[in-house]
N, C-alpha and C. Protein backbone atom coordinates (compact mmCIF):
# COMPACT_ATOMS: atom_id res chain seq x y z
N MET A 1 0.81 -1.22 0.00
CA MET A 1 0.00 0.00 0.00
C MET A 1 0.85 1.28 0.00
N PRO A 2 1.91 1.36 0.83
CA PRO A 2 2.73 2.57 0.79
C PRO A 2 3.36 2.81 -0.57
N PHE A 3 3.75 1.74 -1.28
CA PHE A 3 4.38 1.92 -2.59
C PHE A 3 3.37 2.35 -3.65
N ILE A 4 2.15 1.81 -3.54
CA ILE A 4 1.10 2.24 -4.47
C ILE A 4 0.78 3.72 -4.21
N SER A 5 0.67 4.11 -2.94
CA SER A 5 0.40 5.51 -2.59
C SER A 5 1.55 6.41 -3.06
N ALA A 6 2.78 5.93 -2.95
CA ALA A 6 3.94 6.71 -3.41
C ALA A 6 3.86 6.92 -4.92
N ALA A 7 3.51 5.86 -5.64
CA ALA A 7 3.39 5.97 -7.10
C ALA A 7 2.28 6.94 -7.48
N ILE A 8 1.16 6.85 -6.78
CA ILE A 8 0.04 7.77 -7.05
C ILE A 8 0.44 9.20 -6.73
N GLY A 9 1.11 9.43 -5.59
CA GLY A 9 1.56 10.77 -5.21
C GLY A 9 2.54 11.34 -6.20
N TRP A 10 3.50 10.52 -6.63
CA TRP A 10 4.48 10.98 -7.62
C TRP A 10 3.79 11.32 -8.94
N PHE A 11 2.90 10.41 -9.41
CA PHE A 11 2.24 10.61 -10.69
C PHE A 11 1.35 11.86 -10.68
N THR A 12 0.60 12.07 -9.61
CA THR A 12 -0.28 13.25 -9.58
C THR A 12 0.54 14.54 -9.58
N ASN A 13 1.66 14.57 -8.87
CA ASN A 13 2.50 15.76 -8.90
C ASN A 13 3.20 15.93 -10.25
N TYR A 14 3.61 14.83 -10.86
CA TYR A 14 4.20 14.86 -12.20
C TYR A 14 3.19 15.44 -13.18
N LEU A 15 1.96 14.96 -13.10
CA LEU A 15 0.90 15.45 -13.97
C LEU A 15 0.62 16.93 -13.71
N ALA A 16 0.59 17.33 -12.45
CA ALA A 16 0.33 18.74 -12.10
C ALA A 16 1.42 19.65 -12.66
N VAL A 17 2.67 19.21 -12.56
CA VAL A 17 3.79 20.01 -13.10
C VAL A 17 3.65 20.13 -14.61
N LYS A 18 3.34 19.03 -15.29
CA LYS A 18 3.19 19.06 -16.74
C LYS A 18 2.01 19.95 -17.15
N MET A 19 0.96 19.98 -16.33
CA MET A 19 -0.23 20.75 -16.68
C MET A 19 -0.06 22.25 -16.45
N ILE A 20 1.09 22.66 -15.97
CA ILE A 20 1.37 24.09 -15.93
C ILE A 20 1.36 24.62 -17.36
N PHE A 21 1.90 23.83 -18.30
CA PHE A 21 1.97 24.24 -19.71
C PHE A 21 1.08 23.43 -20.65
N ARG A 22 0.80 22.21 -20.31
CA ARG A 22 0.13 21.33 -21.27
C ARG A 22 -1.26 20.96 -20.82
N PRO A 23 -2.14 20.73 -21.72
CA PRO A 23 -2.05 20.90 -23.16
C PRO A 23 -2.08 22.38 -23.54
N TYR A 24 -1.44 22.70 -24.66
CA TYR A 24 -1.40 24.08 -25.13
C TYR A 24 -2.78 24.56 -25.55
N LYS A 25 -3.50 23.70 -26.23
CA LYS A 25 -4.85 24.05 -26.69
C LYS A 25 -5.86 23.30 -25.84
N SER A 26 -7.01 23.92 -25.63
CA SER A 26 -8.05 23.32 -24.81
C SER A 26 -8.58 22.04 -25.45
N ILE A 27 -8.65 20.99 -24.62
CA ILE A 27 -9.26 19.74 -25.09
C ILE A 27 -10.37 19.35 -24.11
N LYS A 28 -11.35 18.61 -24.63
CA LYS A 28 -12.49 18.22 -23.80
C LYS A 28 -12.33 16.75 -23.41
N ILE A 29 -12.32 16.49 -22.12
CA ILE A 29 -12.25 15.13 -21.61
C ILE A 29 -13.42 14.95 -20.65
N LEU A 30 -14.28 14.02 -20.97
CA LEU A 30 -15.48 13.74 -20.17
C LEU A 30 -16.29 15.01 -19.92
N GLY A 31 -16.40 15.85 -20.95
CA GLY A 31 -17.21 17.06 -20.86
C GLY A 31 -16.53 18.22 -20.13
N VAL A 32 -15.27 18.05 -19.76
CA VAL A 32 -14.54 19.09 -19.04
C VAL A 32 -13.43 19.62 -19.96
N ASN A 33 -13.35 20.96 -20.12
CA ASN A 33 -12.27 21.57 -20.90
C ASN A 33 -11.00 21.57 -20.07
N ILE A 34 -9.94 21.03 -20.66
CA ILE A 34 -8.66 20.97 -19.97
C ILE A 34 -7.62 21.68 -20.83
N GLN A 35 -6.92 22.59 -20.20
CA GLN A 35 -5.85 23.32 -20.86
C GLN A 35 -4.82 23.70 -19.80
N GLY A 36 -3.56 23.75 -20.20
CA GLY A 36 -2.50 24.12 -19.26
C GLY A 36 -2.74 25.51 -18.67
N LEU A 37 -2.23 25.72 -17.45
CA LEU A 37 -2.41 26.98 -16.74
C LEU A 37 -1.86 28.16 -17.54
N ILE A 38 -0.63 28.06 -18.00
CA ILE A 38 0.00 29.17 -18.72
C ILE A 38 -0.72 29.45 -20.04
N PRO A 39 -0.98 28.43 -20.88
CA PRO A 39 -1.69 28.73 -22.13
C PRO A 39 -3.08 29.34 -21.90
N ARG A 40 -3.78 28.86 -20.89
CA ARG A 40 -5.14 29.38 -20.63
C ARG A 40 -5.11 30.83 -20.17
N ARG A 41 -4.11 31.18 -19.38
CA ARG A 41 -4.06 32.51 -18.77
C ARG A 41 -3.00 33.40 -19.39
N GLN A 42 -2.47 33.04 -20.55
CA GLN A 42 -1.36 33.77 -21.15
C GLN A 42 -1.67 35.25 -21.34
N ASN A 43 -2.83 35.58 -21.87
CA ASN A 43 -3.17 36.99 -22.10
C ASN A 43 -3.31 37.76 -20.80
N GLU A 44 -3.99 37.17 -19.82
CA GLU A 44 -4.13 37.84 -18.52
C GLU A 44 -2.78 38.03 -17.85
N MET A 45 -1.95 36.97 -17.91
CA MET A 45 -0.63 37.06 -17.30
C MET A 45 0.22 38.11 -18.02
N ALA A 46 0.10 38.17 -19.33
CA ALA A 46 0.87 39.14 -20.11
C ALA A 46 0.51 40.56 -19.69
N ASP A 47 -0.79 40.84 -19.58
CA ASP A 47 -1.22 42.18 -19.16
C ASP A 47 -0.74 42.49 -17.74
N SER A 48 -0.87 41.52 -16.86
CA SER A 48 -0.47 41.73 -15.46
C SER A 48 1.04 41.94 -15.34
N ILE A 49 1.82 41.14 -16.05
CA ILE A 49 3.28 41.29 -16.01
C ILE A 49 3.67 42.63 -16.61
N GLY A 50 3.02 43.03 -17.70
CA GLY A 50 3.31 44.33 -18.32
C GLY A 50 3.07 45.48 -17.36
N GLN A 51 1.95 45.43 -16.64
CA GLN A 51 1.64 46.49 -15.67
C GLN A 51 2.66 46.47 -14.53
N THR A 52 3.03 45.28 -14.08
CA THR A 52 4.00 45.17 -12.98
C THR A 52 5.35 45.71 -13.41
N VAL A 53 5.78 45.38 -14.63
CA VAL A 53 7.07 45.88 -15.13
C VAL A 53 7.07 47.40 -15.14
N GLU A 54 5.98 47.99 -15.65
CA GLU A 54 5.92 49.45 -15.74
C GLU A 54 5.85 50.10 -14.36
N LYS A 55 5.12 49.50 -13.43
CA LYS A 55 4.99 50.10 -12.09
C LYS A 55 6.23 49.87 -11.22
N GLU A 56 6.78 48.65 -11.30
CA GLU A 56 7.81 48.26 -10.34
C GLU A 56 9.22 48.20 -10.90
N LEU A 57 9.37 47.97 -12.20
CA LEU A 57 10.71 47.73 -12.73
C LEU A 57 11.26 48.87 -13.57
N ILE A 58 10.52 49.26 -14.60
CA ILE A 58 11.04 50.32 -15.48
C ILE A 58 9.87 51.15 -16.00
N SER A 59 10.07 52.44 -16.01
CA SER A 59 9.02 53.35 -16.45
C SER A 59 9.66 54.47 -17.28
N PRO A 60 8.83 55.27 -17.94
CA PRO A 60 9.38 56.42 -18.67
C PRO A 60 10.23 57.34 -17.77
N ASN A 61 9.87 57.44 -16.49
CA ASN A 61 10.68 58.27 -15.57
C ASN A 61 12.09 57.71 -15.40
N ASP A 62 12.21 56.38 -15.41
CA ASP A 62 13.54 55.77 -15.32
C ASP A 62 14.38 56.13 -16.54
N ILE A 63 13.76 56.09 -17.71
CA ILE A 63 14.46 56.47 -18.94
C ILE A 63 14.86 57.95 -18.86
N LYS A 64 13.93 58.77 -18.38
CA LYS A 64 14.20 60.20 -18.24
C LYS A 64 15.39 60.43 -17.30
N ASN A 65 15.41 59.71 -16.19
CA ASN A 65 16.52 59.87 -15.24
C ASN A 65 17.86 59.47 -15.85
N ILE A 66 17.84 58.42 -16.65
CA ILE A 66 19.08 57.99 -17.31
C ILE A 66 19.54 59.04 -18.32
N LEU A 67 18.60 59.53 -19.12
CA LEU A 67 18.96 60.50 -20.16
C LEU A 67 19.35 61.86 -19.59
N ASN A 68 18.96 62.14 -18.36
CA ASN A 68 19.32 63.42 -17.75
C ASN A 68 20.63 63.38 -16.96
N LYS A 69 21.33 62.25 -17.01
CA LYS A 69 22.61 62.16 -16.33
C LYS A 69 23.66 62.96 -17.09
N LYS A 70 24.61 63.49 -16.33
CA LYS A 70 25.65 64.35 -16.90
C LYS A 70 26.47 63.62 -17.97
N ASP A 71 26.84 62.36 -17.70
CA ASP A 71 27.67 61.65 -18.68
C ASP A 71 26.91 61.36 -19.97
N VAL A 72 25.60 61.18 -19.89
CA VAL A 72 24.80 61.00 -21.11
C VAL A 72 24.79 62.30 -21.89
N HIS A 73 24.63 63.43 -21.19
CA HIS A 73 24.66 64.74 -21.86
C HIS A 73 26.02 64.96 -22.53
N GLN A 74 27.10 64.52 -21.86
CA GLN A 74 28.43 64.66 -22.45
C GLN A 74 28.56 63.82 -23.72
N ASP A 75 28.01 62.60 -23.68
CA ASP A 75 28.04 61.75 -24.88
C ASP A 75 27.24 62.38 -26.01
N ILE A 76 26.08 62.94 -25.68
CA ILE A 76 25.25 63.60 -26.70
C ILE A 76 25.99 64.80 -27.26
N HIS A 77 26.62 65.56 -26.39
CA HIS A 77 27.39 66.73 -26.82
C HIS A 77 28.52 66.31 -27.78
N ARG A 78 29.20 65.22 -27.45
CA ARG A 78 30.29 64.72 -28.29
C ARG A 78 29.75 64.33 -29.67
N VAL A 79 28.62 63.63 -29.71
CA VAL A 79 28.04 63.21 -30.99
C VAL A 79 27.63 64.43 -31.81
N ILE A 80 27.02 65.40 -31.14
CA ILE A 80 26.62 66.63 -31.86
C ILE A 80 27.84 67.34 -32.43
N GLU A 81 28.90 67.43 -31.65
CA GLU A 81 30.11 68.09 -32.14
C GLU A 81 30.70 67.35 -33.33
N GLU A 82 30.74 66.02 -33.27
CA GLU A 82 31.25 65.23 -34.39
C GLU A 82 30.40 65.46 -35.64
N GLN A 83 29.08 65.42 -35.47
CA GLN A 83 28.18 65.61 -36.61
C GLN A 83 28.27 67.03 -37.16
N LEU A 84 28.47 68.00 -36.30
CA LEU A 84 28.62 69.38 -36.73
C LEU A 84 29.90 69.54 -37.55
N ASP A 85 30.99 68.90 -37.12
CA ASP A 85 32.24 68.93 -37.89
C ASP A 85 32.04 68.33 -39.28
N ILE A 86 31.36 67.19 -39.32
CA ILE A 86 31.10 66.54 -40.62
C ILE A 86 30.27 67.46 -41.50
N PHE A 87 29.24 68.07 -40.92
CA PHE A 87 28.37 68.96 -41.68
C PHE A 87 29.15 70.15 -42.22
N LEU A 88 29.95 70.77 -41.35
CA LEU A 88 30.71 71.95 -41.78
C LEU A 88 31.74 71.59 -42.85
N GLN A 89 32.38 70.43 -42.71
CA GLN A 89 33.41 70.05 -43.66
C GLN A 89 32.83 69.58 -44.99
N ASN A 90 31.80 68.78 -44.94
CA ASN A 90 31.29 68.15 -46.17
C ASN A 90 30.21 68.96 -46.87
N LYS A 91 29.18 69.29 -46.16
CA LYS A 91 28.01 69.90 -46.80
C LYS A 91 28.23 71.37 -47.15
N LEU A 92 28.68 72.12 -46.17
CA LEU A 92 28.82 73.56 -46.42
C LEU A 92 30.00 73.87 -47.34
N SER A 93 31.02 73.04 -47.27
CA SER A 93 32.19 73.31 -48.11
C SER A 93 31.91 73.03 -49.59
N GLU A 94 30.79 72.39 -49.90
CA GLU A 94 30.41 72.17 -51.29
C GLU A 94 30.07 73.49 -51.98
N ASN A 95 29.64 74.46 -51.21
CA ASN A 95 29.31 75.78 -51.76
C ASN A 95 30.50 76.70 -51.51
N PRO A 96 31.19 77.14 -52.57
CA PRO A 96 32.41 77.95 -52.39
C PRO A 96 32.17 79.25 -51.62
N MET A 97 31.02 79.89 -51.80
CA MET A 97 30.75 81.15 -51.09
C MET A 97 30.66 80.90 -49.58
N ILE A 98 29.95 79.85 -49.21
CA ILE A 98 29.80 79.54 -47.77
C ILE A 98 31.13 79.05 -47.22
N ALA A 99 31.84 78.22 -48.01
CA ALA A 99 33.13 77.70 -47.55
C ALA A 99 34.11 78.84 -47.25
N MET A 100 34.03 79.91 -48.00
CA MET A 100 34.90 81.05 -47.79
C MET A 100 34.65 81.67 -46.41
N PHE A 101 33.40 81.69 -45.98
CA PHE A 101 33.05 82.31 -44.70
C PHE A 101 33.33 81.40 -43.50
N ILE A 102 33.27 80.09 -43.70
CA ILE A 102 33.41 79.21 -42.54
C ILE A 102 34.82 78.65 -42.37
N GLN A 103 35.75 79.08 -43.17
CA GLN A 103 37.12 78.62 -43.00
C GLN A 103 37.83 79.42 -41.92
N GLY A 104 38.79 78.77 -41.31
CA GLY A 104 39.64 79.44 -40.33
C GLY A 104 38.90 79.82 -39.06
N GLU A 105 39.23 81.03 -38.57
CA GLU A 105 38.70 81.51 -37.29
C GLU A 105 37.19 81.69 -37.33
N ALA A 106 36.66 82.14 -38.44
CA ALA A 106 35.21 82.35 -38.55
C ALA A 106 34.47 81.02 -38.37
N GLY A 107 34.97 79.99 -39.01
CA GLY A 107 34.36 78.66 -38.89
C GLY A 107 34.41 78.15 -37.46
N LEU A 108 35.56 78.35 -36.81
CA LEU A 108 35.68 77.93 -35.41
C LEU A 108 34.72 78.70 -34.51
N GLN A 109 34.54 79.99 -34.77
CA GLN A 109 33.60 80.80 -33.97
C GLN A 109 32.16 80.34 -34.18
N ILE A 110 31.81 80.04 -35.44
CA ILE A 110 30.46 79.54 -35.73
C ILE A 110 30.22 78.23 -34.99
N LYS A 111 31.20 77.31 -35.10
CA LYS A 111 31.08 76.02 -34.43
C LYS A 111 30.97 76.21 -32.92
N LYS A 112 31.82 77.08 -32.36
CA LYS A 112 31.82 77.32 -30.92
C LYS A 112 30.48 77.91 -30.48
N SER A 113 29.96 78.84 -31.24
CA SER A 113 28.66 79.46 -30.90
C SER A 113 27.54 78.44 -30.95
N LEU A 114 27.54 77.61 -31.99
CA LEU A 114 26.51 76.57 -32.10
C LEU A 114 26.60 75.57 -30.95
N LEU A 115 27.82 75.13 -30.63
CA LEU A 115 28.00 74.17 -29.54
C LEU A 115 27.59 74.76 -28.19
N THR A 116 27.95 76.02 -27.96
CA THR A 116 27.56 76.68 -26.71
C THR A 116 26.04 76.77 -26.61
N HIS A 117 25.41 77.16 -27.70
CA HIS A 117 23.95 77.25 -27.72
C HIS A 117 23.32 75.87 -27.45
N LEU A 118 23.81 74.85 -28.16
CA LEU A 118 23.25 73.51 -27.98
C LEU A 118 23.50 72.98 -26.57
N GLU A 119 24.68 73.26 -26.04
CA GLU A 119 24.99 72.81 -24.69
C GLU A 119 24.07 73.47 -23.66
N ASN A 120 23.81 74.76 -23.83
CA ASN A 120 22.92 75.47 -22.90
C ASN A 120 21.48 75.01 -23.04
N GLU A 121 21.08 74.68 -24.26
CA GLU A 121 19.69 74.30 -24.51
C GLU A 121 19.44 72.80 -24.44
N LEU A 122 20.50 71.99 -24.31
CA LEU A 122 20.34 70.54 -24.31
C LEU A 122 19.33 70.04 -23.29
N PRO A 123 19.35 70.52 -22.03
CA PRO A 123 18.33 70.05 -21.08
C PRO A 123 16.89 70.33 -21.56
N ASN A 124 16.68 71.50 -22.16
CA ASN A 124 15.34 71.83 -22.67
C ASN A 124 14.97 70.92 -23.85
N TYR A 125 15.94 70.71 -24.75
CA TYR A 125 15.69 69.83 -25.89
C TYR A 125 15.40 68.40 -25.42
N MET A 126 16.17 67.96 -24.43
CA MET A 126 15.97 66.61 -23.90
C MET A 126 14.57 66.48 -23.29
N GLU A 127 14.16 67.50 -22.57
CA GLU A 127 12.83 67.47 -21.94
C GLU A 127 11.74 67.38 -23.01
N LEU A 128 11.86 68.17 -24.06
CA LEU A 128 10.89 68.11 -25.15
C LEU A 128 10.91 66.75 -25.85
N LEU A 129 12.10 66.23 -26.07
CA LEU A 129 12.24 64.93 -26.71
C LEU A 129 11.62 63.83 -25.84
N LEU A 130 11.91 63.88 -24.55
CA LEU A 130 11.37 62.87 -23.63
C LEU A 130 9.85 62.94 -23.54
N GLU A 131 9.30 64.15 -23.55
CA GLU A 131 7.85 64.28 -23.53
C GLU A 131 7.24 63.66 -24.78
N ALA A 132 7.87 63.90 -25.92
CA ALA A 132 7.36 63.33 -27.18
C ALA A 132 7.45 61.80 -27.16
N VAL A 133 8.58 61.27 -26.67
CA VAL A 133 8.75 59.82 -26.61
C VAL A 133 7.76 59.22 -25.61
N GLU A 134 7.58 59.88 -24.48
CA GLU A 134 6.70 59.37 -23.42
C GLU A 134 5.26 59.23 -23.91
N LYS A 135 4.84 60.12 -24.79
CA LYS A 135 3.48 60.04 -25.35
C LYS A 135 3.28 58.74 -26.11
N HIS A 136 4.35 58.25 -26.72
CA HIS A 136 4.24 57.09 -27.58
C HIS A 136 4.80 55.81 -26.95
N MET A 137 5.37 55.91 -25.75
CA MET A 137 5.99 54.75 -25.13
C MET A 137 5.09 54.22 -24.02
N ASP A 138 4.71 52.97 -24.17
CA ASP A 138 3.87 52.31 -23.17
C ASP A 138 4.54 50.98 -22.82
N PHE A 139 5.37 50.99 -21.76
CA PHE A 139 6.10 49.79 -21.39
C PHE A 139 5.15 48.63 -21.11
N SER A 140 4.06 48.93 -20.46
CA SER A 140 3.09 47.89 -20.14
C SER A 140 2.61 47.19 -21.41
N ALA A 141 2.25 47.96 -22.41
CA ALA A 141 1.75 47.38 -23.67
C ALA A 141 2.86 46.63 -24.41
N ILE A 142 4.07 47.17 -24.39
CA ILE A 142 5.19 46.53 -25.08
C ILE A 142 5.46 45.15 -24.49
N VAL A 143 5.58 45.10 -23.15
CA VAL A 143 5.85 43.82 -22.47
C VAL A 143 4.69 42.86 -22.69
N SER A 144 3.47 43.36 -22.54
CA SER A 144 2.29 42.53 -22.70
C SER A 144 2.24 41.90 -24.09
N GLU A 145 2.46 42.68 -25.12
CA GLU A 145 2.41 42.16 -26.49
C GLU A 145 3.51 41.13 -26.74
N LYS A 146 4.70 41.37 -26.18
CA LYS A 146 5.79 40.41 -26.36
C LYS A 146 5.46 39.08 -25.69
N ILE A 147 4.88 39.13 -24.50
CA ILE A 147 4.53 37.89 -23.80
C ILE A 147 3.39 37.18 -24.51
N LYS A 148 2.41 37.92 -25.00
CA LYS A 148 1.30 37.30 -25.72
C LYS A 148 1.78 36.59 -26.98
N GLY A 149 2.81 37.11 -27.60
CA GLY A 149 3.33 36.52 -28.82
C GLY A 149 4.43 35.48 -28.60
N PHE A 150 4.76 35.25 -27.33
CA PHE A 150 5.86 34.34 -27.01
C PHE A 150 5.45 32.90 -27.29
N ASP A 151 6.32 32.13 -27.93
CA ASP A 151 6.07 30.73 -28.23
C ASP A 151 6.02 29.92 -26.93
N LEU A 152 4.90 29.25 -26.68
CA LEU A 152 4.70 28.54 -25.42
C LEU A 152 5.69 27.39 -25.23
N SER A 153 6.03 26.69 -26.29
CA SER A 153 6.98 25.58 -26.13
C SER A 153 8.36 26.11 -25.75
N LYS A 154 8.74 27.24 -26.32
CA LYS A 154 10.03 27.86 -25.98
C LYS A 154 10.00 28.33 -24.51
N PHE A 155 8.88 28.95 -24.12
CA PHE A 155 8.73 29.41 -22.74
C PHE A 155 8.79 28.22 -21.77
N GLU A 156 8.13 27.12 -22.14
CA GLU A 156 8.15 25.91 -21.31
C GLU A 156 9.58 25.41 -21.15
N ASP A 157 10.33 25.37 -22.24
CA ASP A 157 11.72 24.93 -22.18
C ASP A 157 12.55 25.82 -21.25
N ILE A 158 12.33 27.12 -21.34
CA ILE A 158 13.07 28.06 -20.47
C ILE A 158 12.76 27.80 -19.01
N ILE A 159 11.46 27.66 -18.69
CA ILE A 159 11.07 27.42 -17.29
C ILE A 159 11.66 26.11 -16.80
N TYR A 160 11.58 25.05 -17.62
CA TYR A 160 12.13 23.76 -17.19
C TYR A 160 13.64 23.82 -17.05
N ASP A 161 14.32 24.58 -17.90
CA ASP A 161 15.77 24.73 -17.76
C ASP A 161 16.13 25.43 -16.46
N ILE A 162 15.36 26.45 -16.12
CA ILE A 162 15.65 27.23 -14.91
C ILE A 162 15.25 26.48 -13.65
N CYS A 163 14.09 25.84 -13.67
CA CYS A 163 13.50 25.27 -12.45
C CYS A 163 13.48 23.75 -12.43
N SER A 164 14.29 23.09 -13.24
CA SER A 164 14.18 21.63 -13.35
C SER A 164 14.38 20.93 -12.00
N LYS A 165 15.31 21.37 -11.20
CA LYS A 165 15.54 20.73 -9.90
C LYS A 165 14.33 20.89 -8.99
N GLU A 166 13.78 22.10 -8.95
CA GLU A 166 12.64 22.36 -8.08
C GLU A 166 11.40 21.59 -8.54
N LEU A 167 11.18 21.54 -9.86
CA LEU A 167 10.02 20.81 -10.38
C LEU A 167 10.18 19.31 -10.13
N LYS A 168 11.39 18.80 -10.29
CA LYS A 168 11.65 17.38 -10.01
C LYS A 168 11.42 17.11 -8.52
N MET A 169 11.80 18.06 -7.67
CA MET A 169 11.61 17.90 -6.23
C MET A 169 10.12 17.84 -5.88
N ILE A 170 9.31 18.62 -6.57
CA ILE A 170 7.86 18.57 -6.34
C ILE A 170 7.33 17.18 -6.66
N GLU A 171 7.79 16.60 -7.76
CA GLU A 171 7.36 15.25 -8.13
C GLU A 171 7.79 14.24 -7.07
N ILE A 172 9.04 14.31 -6.65
CA ILE A 172 9.56 13.38 -5.64
C ILE A 172 8.81 13.56 -4.32
N LEU A 173 8.56 14.80 -3.95
CA LEU A 173 7.84 15.07 -2.71
C LEU A 173 6.44 14.44 -2.74
N GLY A 174 5.81 14.45 -3.92
CA GLY A 174 4.51 13.78 -4.06
C GLY A 174 4.63 12.30 -3.75
N GLY A 175 5.71 11.68 -4.25
CA GLY A 175 5.94 10.26 -3.98
C GLY A 175 6.21 10.00 -2.50
N VAL A 176 7.03 10.85 -1.89
CA VAL A 176 7.35 10.69 -0.47
C VAL A 176 6.09 10.85 0.40
N LEU A 177 5.32 11.90 0.11
CA LEU A 177 4.08 12.10 0.88
C LEU A 177 3.10 10.95 0.66
N GLY A 178 3.04 10.48 -0.60
CA GLY A 178 2.18 9.32 -0.89
C GLY A 178 2.61 8.10 -0.10
N PHE A 179 3.93 7.88 -0.02
CA PHE A 179 4.45 6.75 0.76
C PHE A 179 4.09 6.88 2.23
N ILE A 180 4.27 8.09 2.78
CA ILE A 180 3.96 8.32 4.20
C ILE A 180 2.47 8.09 4.46
N ILE A 181 1.62 8.60 3.57
CA ILE A 181 0.17 8.42 3.74
C ILE A 181 -0.18 6.94 3.64
N GLY A 182 0.44 6.22 2.68
CA GLY A 182 0.20 4.77 2.56
C GLY A 182 0.64 4.04 3.81
N ALA A 183 1.79 4.43 4.38
CA ALA A 183 2.28 3.79 5.60
C ALA A 183 1.33 4.06 6.77
N ILE A 184 0.82 5.28 6.83
CA ILE A 184 -0.15 5.62 7.89
C ILE A 184 -1.41 4.77 7.72
N GLN A 185 -1.86 4.59 6.48
CA GLN A 185 -3.04 3.78 6.22
C GLN A 185 -2.80 2.33 6.68
N VAL A 186 -1.63 1.80 6.37
CA VAL A 186 -1.30 0.43 6.79
C VAL A 186 -1.29 0.36 8.31
N ALA A 187 -0.68 1.36 8.94
CA ALA A 187 -0.64 1.37 10.42
C ALA A 187 -2.05 1.44 11.00
N LEU A 188 -2.92 2.23 10.40
CA LEU A 188 -4.30 2.34 10.88
C LEU A 188 -5.05 1.02 10.68
N LEU A 189 -4.83 0.38 9.54
CA LEU A 189 -5.47 -0.92 9.29
C LEU A 189 -5.03 -1.96 10.31
N ILE A 190 -3.74 -1.98 10.58
CA ILE A 190 -3.21 -2.93 11.58
C ILE A 190 -3.76 -2.59 12.96
N TRP A 191 -3.82 -1.35 13.28
CA TRP A 191 -4.30 -0.91 14.61
C TRP A 191 -5.78 -1.22 14.79
N VAL A 192 -6.58 -1.03 13.71
CA VAL A 192 -8.03 -1.26 13.77
C VAL A 192 -8.29 -2.76 13.91
N GLN A 193 -7.51 -3.61 13.28
CA GLN A 193 -7.75 -5.06 13.34
C GLN A 193 -7.28 -5.55 14.65
């Protein structure tokens, strides 16, 4: 009896672990619809995870805080300066009249004035840019859509790779508890007789 109970306990836990994902599509057995937990609730879970990510993990404010750091502004300033050099050398120098005015000290003064202006206005430009991006950025929706479109078999493989020891332990624990319950039943039968 304890061994039969152990087998039943192990099998029911094995089945429960498998039914986290399987079956992927709803099937009817004895008039009851059966579908794995994750496939059945994938859309609800996707929306819930998306909202949690936006509230607890990353939000537009986090992006704003990163972009408002001094070293990010320095990187942006460096890129602007490089692009300004390319523009002054390539595009404006194609026109001989303009090239005459931007060569030498005059060109350096123009570049310096533009860079000073951009450096002073960069925080304002960043704020406007971030407001525009924030209007169109919805982390909750992005995460939700990615999870809704995630291949269930791939997700199952990932979960089993990460949690294989714990899931195997759940199965074994079912067998151990089944054995203990079977042993208790045998003890009760012996005690009653």
